[in-house]
């Protein structure tokens, strides 16, 4: 059983981590991922529109994969980006 005490996640008598610190670190990573991913998507969409490989009325299928090898985490997110 785990408990949160003074912002630390604990398992019995073992202090495992500072929950606030962990939360902030995860949020920093996700913010960076979101900002840089959006920029890259926008660049590639503009390139594809300019060279004619997609039209302004496209509905693009999107897949993002998150992997953290050390903790054996794989998380897949799918969705769509409508251009118009």
PDB file of N, CA and C in Angstrom:
ATOM      1  N   UNK A   1       0.840  -1.175   0.000  1.00  0.00           N
ATOM      2  CA  UNK A   1       0.000   0.000   0.000  1.00  0.00           C
ATOM      3  C   UNK A   1       0.882   1.235   0.000  1.00  0.00           C
ATOM      4  N   UNK A   2       0.486   2.271  -0.761  1.00  0.00           N
ATOM      5  CA  UNK A   2       1.277   3.486  -0.767  1.00  0.00           C
ATOM      6  C   UNK A   2       0.481   4.637  -0.176  1.00  0.00           C
ATOM      7  N   UNK A   3       1.183   5.605   0.345  1.00  0.00           N
ATOM      8  CA  UNK A   3       0.593   6.802   0.935  1.00  0.00           C
ATOM      9  C   UNK A   3       1.369   8.012   0.459  1.00  0.00           C
ATOM     10  N   UNK A   4       0.706   9.163   0.424  1.00  0.00           N
ATOM     11  CA  UNK A   4       1.402  10.412   0.156  1.00  0.00           C
ATOM     12  C   UNK A   4       1.472  11.172   1.467  1.00  0.00           C
ATOM     13  N   UNK A   5       2.704  11.490   1.894  1.00  0.00           N
ATOM     14  CA  UNK A   5       2.926  12.187   3.154  1.00  0.00           C
ATOM     15  C   UNK A   5       3.971  13.266   2.921  1.00  0.00           C
ATOM     16  N   UNK A   6       3.621  14.510   3.231  1.00  0.00           N
ATOM     17  CA  UNK A   6       4.529  15.646   3.006  1.00  0.00           C
ATOM     18  C   UNK A   6       5.075  15.664   1.581  1.00  0.00           C
ATOM     19  N   UNK A   7       4.195  15.432   0.609  1.00  0.00           N
ATOM     20  CA  UNK A   7       4.518  15.444  -0.815  1.00  0.00           C
ATOM     21  C   UNK A   7       5.398  14.285  -1.274  1.00  0.00           C
ATOM     22  N   UNK A   8       5.634  13.304  -0.436  1.00  0.00           N
ATOM     23  CA  UNK A   8       6.417  12.141  -0.825  1.00  0.00           C
ATOM     24  C   UNK A   8       5.502  10.940  -0.965  1.00  0.00           C
ATOM     25  N   UNK A   9       5.683  10.218  -2.051  1.00  0.00           N
ATOM     26  CA  UNK A   9       4.971   8.960  -2.238  1.00  0.00           C
ATOM     27  C   UNK A   9       5.735   7.902  -1.458  1.00  0.00           C
ATOM     28  N   UNK A  10       5.050   7.204  -0.553  1.00  0.00           N
ATOM     29  CA  UNK A  10       5.736   6.213   0.274  1.00  0.00           C
ATOM     30  C   UNK A  10       5.119   4.838   0.101  1.00  0.00           C
ATOM     31  N   UNK A  11       5.943   3.829   0.269  1.00  0.00           N
ATOM     32  CA  UNK A  11       5.508   2.439   0.264  1.00  0.00           C
ATOM     33  C   UNK A  11       5.897   1.874   1.617  1.00  0.00           C
ATOM     34  N   UNK A  12       4.932   1.758   2.510  1.00  0.00           N
ATOM     35  CA  UNK A  12       5.258   1.335   3.870  1.00  0.00           C
ATOM     36  C   UNK A  12       6.155   2.372   4.516  1.00  0.00           C
ATOM     37  N   UNK A  13       7.330   1.956   4.970  1.00  0.00           N
ATOM     38  CA  UNK A  13       8.282   2.872   5.596  1.00  0.00           C
ATOM     39  C   UNK A  13       9.301   3.425   4.607  1.00  0.00           C
ATOM     40  N   UNK A  14       9.203   3.066   3.332  1.00  0.00           N
ATOM     41  CA  UNK A  14      10.201   3.476   2.347  1.00  0.00           C
ATOM     42  C   UNK A  14       9.719   4.720   1.607  1.00  0.00           C
ATOM     43  N   UNK A  15      10.492   5.806   1.694  1.00  0.00           N
ATOM     44  CA  UNK A  15      10.180   7.026   0.960  1.00  0.00           C
ATOM     45  C   UNK A  15      10.655   6.840  -0.478  1.00  0.00           C
ATOM     46  N   UNK A  16       9.762   6.993  -1.435  1.00  0.00           N
ATOM     47  CA  UNK A  16      10.126   6.719  -2.814  1.00  0.00           C
ATOM     48  C   UNK A  16      10.461   7.980  -3.605  1.00  0.00           C
ATOM     49  N   UNK A  17       9.657   9.039  -3.512  1.00  0.00           N
ATOM     50  CA  UNK A  17       9.911  10.219  -4.330  1.00  0.00           C
ATOM     51  C   UNK A  17       9.081  11.398  -3.862  1.00  0.00           C
ATOM     52  N   UNK A  18       9.508  12.573  -4.257  1.00  0.00           N
ATOM     53  CA  UNK A  18       8.771  13.801  -4.003  1.00  0.00           C
ATOM     54  C   UNK A  18       7.750  13.959  -5.125  1.00  0.00           C
ATOM     55  N   UNK A  19       6.480  13.841  -4.809  1.00  0.00           N
ATOM     56  CA  UNK A  19       5.420  13.881  -5.819  1.00  0.00           C
ATOM     57  C   UNK A  19       5.363  15.216  -6.551  1.00  0.00           C
ATOM     58  N   UNK A  20       5.545  16.327  -5.855  1.00  0.00           N
ATOM     59  CA  UNK A  20       5.514  17.635  -6.520  1.00  0.00           C
ATOM     60  C   UNK A  20       6.651  17.757  -7.524  1.00  0.00           C
ATOM     61  N   UNK A  21       7.839  17.334  -7.120  1.00  0.00           N
ATOM     62  CA  UNK A  21       8.993  17.384  -8.019  1.00  0.00           C
ATOM     63  C   UNK A  21       8.750  16.518  -9.250  1.00  0.00           C
ATOM     64  N   UNK A  22       8.282  15.290  -9.041  1.00  0.00           N
ATOM     65  CA  UNK A  22       8.000  14.382 -10.150  1.00  0.00           C
ATOM     66  C   UNK A  22       6.967  14.986 -11.087  1.00  0.00           C
ATOM     67  N   UNK A  23       5.894  15.531 -10.529  1.00  0.00           N
ATOM     68  CA  UNK A  23       4.842  16.143 -11.328  1.00  0.00           C
ATOM     69  C   UNK A  23       5.392  17.280 -12.178  1.00  0.00           C
ATOM     70  N   UNK A  24       6.221  18.140 -11.597  1.00  0.00           N
ATOM     71  CA  UNK A  24       6.811  19.253 -12.343  1.00  0.00           C
ATOM     72  C   UNK A  24       7.725  18.759 -13.453  1.00  0.00           C
ATOM     73  N   UNK A  25       8.515  17.741 -13.182  1.00  0.00           N
ATOM     74  CA  UNK A  25       9.420  17.200 -14.195  1.00  0.00           C
ATOM     75  C   UNK A  25       8.642  16.594 -15.368  1.00  0.00           C
ATOM     76  N   UNK A  26       7.580  15.872 -15.068  1.00  0.00           N
ATOM     77  CA  UNK A  26       6.753  15.294 -16.132  1.00  0.00           C
ATOM     78  C   UNK A  26       6.104  16.403 -16.942  1.00  0.00           C
ATOM     79  N   UNK A  27       5.580  17.412 -16.272  1.00  0.00           N
ATOM     80  CA  UNK A  27       4.955  18.534 -16.974  1.00  0.00           C
ATOM     81  C   UNK A  27       5.950  19.277 -17.856  1.00  0.00           C
ATOM     82  N   UNK A  28       7.188  19.452 -17.393  1.00  0.00           N
ATOM     83  CA  UNK A  28       8.219  20.106 -18.212  1.00  0.00           C
ATOM     84  C   UNK A  28       8.488  19.301 -19.477  1.00  0.00           C
ATOM     85  N   UNK A  29       8.603  17.988 -19.315  1.00  0.00           N
ATOM     86  CA  UNK A  29       8.835  17.141 -20.484  1.00  0.00           C
ATOM     87  C   UNK A  29       7.669  17.247 -21.465  1.00  0.00           C
ATOM     88  N   UNK A  30       6.440  17.129 -20.956  1.00  0.00           N
ATOM     89  CA  UNK A  30       5.267  17.158 -21.833  1.00  0.00           C
ATOM     90  C   UNK A  30       5.095  18.516 -22.506  1.00  0.00           C
ATOM     91  N   UNK A  31       5.418  19.593 -21.808  1.00  0.00           N
ATOM     92  CA  UNK A  31       5.349  20.930 -22.411  1.00  0.00           C
ATOM     93  C   UNK A  31       6.343  21.026 -23.559  1.00  0.00           C
ATOM     94  N   UNK A  32       7.571  20.577 -23.327  1.00  0.00           N
ATOM     95  CA  UNK A  32       8.587  20.586 -24.375  1.00  0.00           C
ATOM     96  C   UNK A  32       8.165  19.713 -25.549  1.00  0.00           C
ATOM     97  N   UNK A  33       7.632  18.535 -25.258  1.00  0.00           N
ATOM     98  CA  UNK A  33       7.162  17.637 -26.313  1.00  0.00           C
ATOM     99  C   UNK A  33       6.063  18.308 -27.130  1.00  0.00           C
ATOM    100  N   UNK A  34       5.102  18.919 -26.449  1.00  0.00           N
ATOM    101  CA  UNK A  34       3.985  19.553 -27.135  1.00  0.00           C
ATOM    102  C   UNK A  34       4.415  20.708 -28.019  1.00  0.00           C
ATOM    103  N   UNK A  35       5.273  21.574 -27.492  1.00  0.00           N
ATOM    104  CA  UNK A  35       5.717  22.748 -28.245  1.00  0.00           C
ATOM    105  C   UNK A  35       6.544  22.335 -29.455  1.00  0.00           C
ATOM    106  N   UNK A  36       7.517  21.466 -29.255  1.00  0.00           N
ATOM    107  CA  UNK A  36       8.377  21.073 -30.371  1.00  0.00           C
ATOM    108  C   UNK A  36       7.620  20.226 -31.394  1.00  0.00           C
ATOM    109  N   UNK A  37       6.721  19.377 -30.936  1.00  0.00           N
ATOM    110  CA  UNK A  37       5.933  18.557 -31.861  1.00  0.00           C
ATOM    111  C   UNK A  37       5.013  19.421 -32.705  1.00  0.00           C
ATOM    112  N   UNK A  38       4.370  20.403 -32.084  1.00  0.00           N
ATOM    113  CA  UNK A  38       3.482  21.289 -32.839  1.00  0.00           C
ATOM    114  C   UNK A  38       4.258  22.019 -33.923  1.00  0.00           C
ATOM    115  N   UNK A  39       5.429  22.517 -33.583  1.00  0.00           N
ATOM    116  CA  UNK A  39       6.265  23.233 -34.547  1.00  0.00           C
ATOM    117  C   UNK A  39       6.620  22.324 -35.728  1.00  0.00           C
ATOM    118  N   UNK A  40       7.037  21.110 -35.443  1.00  0.00           N
ATOM    119  CA  UNK A  40       7.418  20.176 -36.508  1.00  0.00           C
ATOM    120  C   UNK A  40       6.226  19.795 -37.381  1.00  0.00           C
ATOM    121  N   UNK A  41       5.073  19.588 -36.764  1.00  0.00           N
ATOM    122  CA  UNK A  41       3.859  19.254 -37.527  1.00  0.00           C
ATOM    123  C   UNK A  41       3.493  20.405 -38.451  1.00  0.00           C
ATOM    124  N   UNK A  42       3.505  21.632 -37.930  1.00  0.00           N
ATOM    125  CA  UNK A  42       3.166  22.803 -38.751  1.00  0.00           C
ATOM    126  C   UNK A  42       4.111  22.944 -39.939  1.00  0.00           C
ATOM    127  N   UNK A  43       5.410  22.756 -39.717  1.00  0.00           N
ATOM    128  CA  UNK A  43       6.390  22.858 -40.803  1.00  0.00           C
ATOM    129  C   UNK A  43       6.094  21.832 -41.884  1.00  0.00           C
ATOM    130  N   UNK A  44       5.880  20.587 -41.489  1.00  0.00           N
ATOM    131  CA  UNK A  44       5.640  19.520 -42.469  1.00  0.00           C
ATOM    132  C   UNK A  44       4.314  19.693 -43.205  1.00  0.00           C
ATOM    133  N   UNK A  45       3.293  20.194 -42.513  1.00  0.00           N
ATOM    134  CA  UNK A  45       2.008  20.434 -43.183  1.00  0.00           C
ATOM    135  C   UNK A  45       2.169  21.531 -44.224  1.00  0.00           C
ATOM    136  N   UNK A  46       2.861  22.618 -43.876  1.00  0.00           N
ATOM    137  CA  UNK A  46       3.088  23.699 -44.849  1.00  0.00           C
ATOM    138  C   UNK A  46       3.867  23.194 -46.064  1.00  0.00           C
ATOM    139  N   UNK A  47       4.909  22.403 -45.821  1.00  0.00           N
ATOM    140  CA  UNK A  47       5.686  21.836 -46.928  1.00  0.00           C
ATOM    141  C   UNK A  47       4.801  20.977 -47.826  1.00  0.00           C
ATOM    142  N   UNK A  48       3.985  20.128 -47.222  1.00  0.00           N
ATOM    143  CA  UNK A  48       3.118  19.234 -47.992  1.00  0.00           C
ATOM    144  C   UNK A  48       2.066  20.018 -48.774  1.00  0.00           C
ATOM    145  N   UNK A  49       1.532  21.080 -48.188  1.00  0.00           N
ATOM    146  CA  UNK A  49       0.576  21.924 -48.911  1.00  0.00           C
ATOM    147  C   UNK A  49       1.260  22.612 -50.086  1.00  0.00           C
ATOM    148  N   UNK A  50       2.456  23.128 -49.862  1.00  0.00           N
ATOM    149  CA  UNK A  50       3.182  23.846 -50.915  1.00  0.00           C
ATOM    150  C   UNK A  50       3.600  22.947 -52.067  1.00  0.00           C
ATOM    151  N   UNK A  51       3.955  21.698 -51.788  1.00  0.00           N
ATOM    152  CA  UNK A  51       4.374  20.818 -52.885  1.00  0.00           C
ATOM    153  C   UNK A  51       3.215  20.001 -53.456  1.00  0.00           C
ATOM    154  N   UNK A  52       2.008  20.209 -52.925  1.00  0.00           N
ATOM    155  CA  UNK A  52       0.819  19.578 -53.478  1.00  0.00           C
ATOM    156  C   UNK A  52       0.570  18.145 -53.038  1.00  0.00           C
ATOM    157  N   UNK A  53       1.325  17.648 -52.084  1.00  0.00           N
ATOM    158  CA  UNK A  53       1.111  16.256 -51.667  1.00  0.00           C
ATOM    159  C   UNK A  53      -0.109  16.084 -50.765  1.00  0.00           C
ATOM    160  N   UNK A  54      -0.624  17.177 -50.223  1.00  0.00           N
ATOM    161  CA  UNK A  54      -1.905  17.159 -49.500  1.00  0.00           C
ATOM    162  C   UNK A  54      -2.700  18.391 -49.905  1.00  0.00           C
ATOM    163  N   UNK A  55      -4.016  18.329 -49.684  1.00  0.00           N
ATOM    164  CA  UNK A  55      -4.877  19.472 -49.993  1.00  0.00           C
ATOM    165  C   UNK A  55      -5.323  20.151 -48.702  1.00  0.00           C
ATOM    166  N   UNK A  56      -5.897  21.327 -48.845  1.00  0.00           N
ATOM    167  CA  UNK A  56      -6.343  22.098 -47.679  1.00  0.00           C
ATOM    168  C   UNK A  56      -7.512  21.456 -46.948  1.00  0.00           C
ATOM    169  N   UNK A  57      -8.150  20.467 -47.562  1.00  0.00           N
ATOM    170  CA  UNK A  57      -9.307  19.814 -46.946  1.00  0.00           C
ATOM    171  C   UNK A  57      -8.968  18.449 -46.358  1.00  0.00           C
ATOM    172  N   UNK A  58      -7.694  18.182 -46.176  1.00  0.00           N
ATOM    173  CA  UNK A  58      -7.259  16.882 -45.660  1.00  0.00           C
ATOM    174  C   UNK A  58      -7.640  16.691 -44.196  1.00  0.00           C
ATOM    175  N   UNK A  59      -7.760  15.437 -43.838  1.00  0.00           N
ATOM    176  CA  UNK A  59      -7.923  15.005 -42.455  1.00  0.00           C
ATOM    177  C   UNK A  59      -6.759  14.048 -42.199  1.00  0.00           C
ATOM    178  N   UNK A  60      -5.754  14.510 -41.462  1.00  0.00           N
ATOM    179  CA  UNK A  60      -4.537  13.729 -41.275  1.00  0.00           C
ATOM    180  C   UNK A  60      -4.630  12.839 -40.043  1.00  0.00           C
ATOM    181  N   UNK A  61      -4.376  11.551 -40.232  1.00  0.00           N
ATOM    182  CA  UNK A  61      -4.325  10.629 -39.097  1.00  0.00           C
ATOM    183  C   UNK A  61      -2.979  10.794 -38.403  1.00  0.00           C
ATOM    184  N   UNK A  62      -3.014  10.862 -37.074  1.00  0.00           N
ATOM    185  CA  UNK A  62      -1.810  11.107 -36.291  1.00  0.00           C
ATOM    186  C   UNK A  62      -1.622   9.985 -35.276  1.00  0.00           C
ATOM    187  N   UNK A  63      -0.367   9.613 -35.077  1.00  0.00           N
ATOM    188  CA  UNK A  63      -0.021   8.630 -34.050  1.00  0.00           C
ATOM    189  C   UNK A  63       1.216   9.131 -33.316  1.00  0.00           C
ATOM    190  N   UNK A  64       1.160   9.141 -31.999  1.00  0.00           N
ATOM    191  CA  UNK A  64       2.318   9.512 -31.181  1.00  0.00           C
ATOM    192  C   UNK A  64       2.610   8.366 -30.227  1.00  0.00           C
ATOM    193  N   UNK A  65       3.880   8.046 -30.106  1.00  0.00           N
ATOM    194  CA  UNK A  65       4.302   6.966 -29.216  1.00  0.00           C
ATOM    195  C   UNK A  65       5.246   7.508 -28.162  1.00  0.00           C
ATOM    196  N   UNK A  66       4.964   7.194 -26.916  1.00  0.00           N
ATOM    197  CA  UNK A  66       5.812   7.583 -25.794  1.00  0.00           C
ATOM    198  C   UNK A  66       6.433   6.318 -25.229  1.00  0.00           C
ATOM    199  N   UNK A  67       7.746   6.320 -25.119  1.00  0.00           N
ATOM    200  CA  UNK A  67       8.455   5.154 -24.587  1.00  0.00           C
ATOM    201  C   UNK A  67       9.436   5.600 -23.518  1.00  0.00           C
ATOM    202  N   UNK A  68       9.395   4.934 -22.373  1.00  0.00           N
ATOM    203  CA  UNK A  68      10.397   5.119 -21.328  1.00  0.00           C
ATOM    204  C   UNK A  68      10.922   3.724 -21.018  1.00  0.00           C
ATOM    205  N   UNK A  69      12.056   3.400 -21.616  1.00  0.00           N
ATOM    206  CA  UNK A  69      12.597   2.050 -21.537  1.00  0.00           C
ATOM    207  C   UNK A  69      12.862   1.540 -20.133  1.00  0.00           C
ATOM    208  N   UNK A  70      13.437   2.391 -19.283  1.00  0.00           N
ATOM    209  CA  UNK A  70      13.827   1.931 -17.944  1.00  0.00           C
ATOM    210  C   UNK A  70      12.655   1.483 -17.090  1.00  0.00           C
ATOM    211  N   UNK A  71      11.469   2.019 -17.357  1.00  0.00           N
ATOM    212  CA  UNK A  71      10.302   1.615 -16.565  1.00  0.00           C
ATOM    213  C   UNK A  71       9.311   0.801 -17.394  1.00  0.00           C
ATOM    214  N   UNK A  72       9.747   0.398 -18.604  1.00  0.00           N
ATOM    215  CA  UNK A  72       8.934  -0.441 -19.472  1.00  0.00           C
ATOM    216  C   UNK A  72       7.575   0.187 -19.766  1.00  0.00           C
ATOM    217  N   UNK A  73       7.586   1.476 -20.118  1.00  0.00           N
ATOM    218  CA  UNK A  73       6.348   2.185 -20.454  1.00  0.00           C
ATOM    219  C   UNK A  73       6.294   2.427 -21.948  1.00  0.00           C
ATOM    220  N   UNK A  74       5.208   2.003 -22.557  1.00  0.00           N
ATOM    221  CA  UNK A  74       4.900   2.324 -23.943  1.00  0.00           C
ATOM    222  C   UNK A  74       3.465   2.814 -23.961  1.00  0.00           C
ATOM    223  N   UNK A  75       3.279   4.025 -24.495  1.00  0.00           N
ATOM    224  CA  UNK A  75       1.939   4.610 -24.531  1.00  0.00           C
ATOM    225  C   UNK A  75       1.720   5.182 -25.923  1.00  0.00           C
ATOM    226  N   UNK A  76       0.625   4.785 -26.569  1.00  0.00           N
ATOM    227  CA  UNK A  76       0.321   5.206 -27.930  1.00  0.00           C
ATOM    228  C   UNK A  76      -0.943   6.059 -27.919  1.00  0.00           C
ATOM    229  N   UNK A  77      -0.870   7.177 -28.622  1.00  0.00           N
ATOM    230  CA  UNK A  77      -2.021   8.067 -28.752  1.00  0.00           C
ATOM    231  C   UNK A  77      -2.292   8.247 -30.239  1.00  0.00           C
ATOM    232  N   UNK A  78      -3.556   8.127 -30.630  1.00  0.00           N
ATOM    233  CA  UNK A  78      -3.931   8.349 -32.022  1.00  0.00           C
ATOM    234  C   UNK A  78      -4.987   9.436 -32.088  1.00  0.00           C
ATOM    235  N   UNK A  79      -5.067  10.070 -33.230  1.00  0.00           N
ATOM    236  CA  UNK A  79      -6.062  11.119 -33.415  1.00  0.00           C
ATOM    237  C   UNK A  79      -6.045  11.612 -34.846  1.00  0.00           C
ATOM    238  N   UNK A  80      -6.697  12.738 -35.067  1.00  0.00           N
ATOM    239  CA  UNK A  80      -6.787  13.347 -36.388  1.00  0.00           C
ATOM    240  C   UNK A  80      -6.514  14.831 -36.293  1.00  0.00           C
ATOM    241  N   UNK A  81      -5.920  15.367 -37.353  1.00  0.00           N
ATOM    242  CA  UNK A  81      -5.750  16.808 -37.493  1.00  0.00           C
ATOM    243  C   UNK A  81      -6.500  17.210 -38.750  1.00  0.00           C
ATOM    244  N   UNK A  82      -7.539  18.005 -38.581  1.00  0.00           N
ATOM    245  CA  UNK A  82      -8.308  18.511 -39.716  1.00  0.00           C
ATOM    246  C   UNK A  82      -7.677  19.819 -40.170  1.00  0.00           C
ATOM    247  N   UNK A  83      -7.435  19.941 -41.463  1.00  0.00           N
ATOM    248  CA  UNK A  83      -6.800  21.145 -41.973  1.00  0.00           C
ATOM    249  C   UNK A  83      -7.796  22.245 -42.284  1.00  0.00           C
ATOM    250  N   UNK A  84      -9.039  21.900 -42.451  1.00  0.00           N
ATOM    251  CA  UNK A  84     -10.055  22.905 -42.748  1.00  0.00           C
ATOM    252  C   UNK A  84     -11.408  22.459 -42.259  1.00  0.00           C
TER     253      UNK A  84
END
